[in-house]
Amino acid sequence: MSSPGFLVFLLSLGHFCTDFIQGALPALLPFLKDRFDLSYAVAGMLLMAAPLTSSVIQPFFGYFT
């Protein structure tokens, strides 16, 4: 289960997920705000946290791949 191909697949999947969230979060934010009764401050922090976490995670995906 820890074959190199499987590990590369997991890294690729993680990379895809972070890229997908980057594009999907701004479009989904109005729905999430209403659904979870978020304030504008919390919604703004979500938008800020997504690129910050991506900036930290993406180099690790690149390094390990």
Protein backbone atom coordinates (compact mmCIF):
# COMPACT_ATOMS: atom_id res chain seq x y z
CA MET A 1 0.00 0.00 0.00
CA SER A 2 3.00 2.30 0.34
CA SER A 3 4.21 1.85 -3.23
CA PRO A 4 5.76 4.93 -4.86
CA GLY A 5 2.88 5.16 -7.33
CA PHE A 6 0.32 5.23 -4.55
CA LEU A 7 2.23 7.92 -2.66
CA VAL A 8 2.48 10.07 -5.78
CA PHE A 9 -1.25 9.59 -6.30
CA LEU A 10 -1.95 10.79 -2.74
CA LEU A 11 0.29 13.83 -3.20
CA SER A 12 -1.39 14.61 -6.52
CA LEU A 13 -4.81 14.29 -4.92
CA GLY A 14 -3.82 16.66 -2.11
CA HIS A 15 -2.46 19.13 -4.64
CA PHE A 16 -5.70 18.93 -6.63
CA CYS A 17 -7.80 19.51 -3.50
CA THR A 18 -5.90 22.62 -2.49
CA ASP A 19 -6.14 24.04 -6.02
CA PHE A 20 -9.83 23.21 -6.22
CA ILE A 21 -10.61 24.92 -2.92
CA GLN A 22 -8.76 28.03 -4.09
CA GLY A 23 -11.22 28.43 -6.95
CA ALA A 24 -14.35 27.08 -5.32
CA LEU A 25 -14.29 28.88 -1.97
CA PRO A 26 -15.01 32.40 -3.24
CA ALA A 27 -17.93 31.07 -5.29
CA LEU A 28 -19.32 29.03 -2.38
CA LEU A 29 -18.82 31.65 0.31
CA PRO A 30 -22.28 33.30 0.07
CA PHE A 31 -23.93 29.89 0.48
CA LEU A 32 -21.63 28.89 3.34
CA LYS A 33 -22.22 32.23 5.06
CA ASP A 34 -25.99 31.73 5.01
CA ARG A 35 -25.91 28.02 5.79
CA PHE A 36 -23.62 28.29 8.82
CA ASP A 37 -24.70 31.79 9.87
CA LEU A 38 -21.17 33.18 9.55
CA SER A 39 -20.30 36.80 10.15
CA TYR A 40 -18.49 38.80 7.51
CA ALA A 41 -15.36 38.70 9.67
CA VAL A 42 -15.37 34.89 9.79
CA ALA A 43 -16.09 34.67 6.07
CA GLY A 44 -13.16 37.00 5.43
CA MET A 45 -10.91 34.87 7.61
CA LEU A 46 -11.91 31.79 5.61
CA LEU A 47 -10.94 33.58 2.42
CA MET A 48 -7.65 34.62 3.99
CA ALA A 49 -6.87 31.18 5.45
CA ALA A 50 -7.27 29.33 2.15
CA PRO A 51 -4.37 30.96 0.29
CA LEU A 52 -2.20 31.06 3.42
CA THR A 53 -2.53 27.34 4.02
CA SER A 54 -2.06 26.66 0.33
CA SER A 55 1.14 28.71 0.32
CA VAL A 56 2.49 26.53 3.11
CA ILE A 57 1.28 23.16 1.79
CA GLN A 58 2.05 23.49 -1.93
CA PRO A 59 5.87 23.56 -1.55
CA PHE A 60 5.72 20.35 0.49
CA PHE A 61 3.71 18.65 -2.27
CA GLY A 62 6.26 19.82 -4.81
CA TYR A 63 9.23 18.73 -2.70
CA PHE A 64 7.89 15.27 -1.97
CA THR A 65 6.68 14.68 -5.49
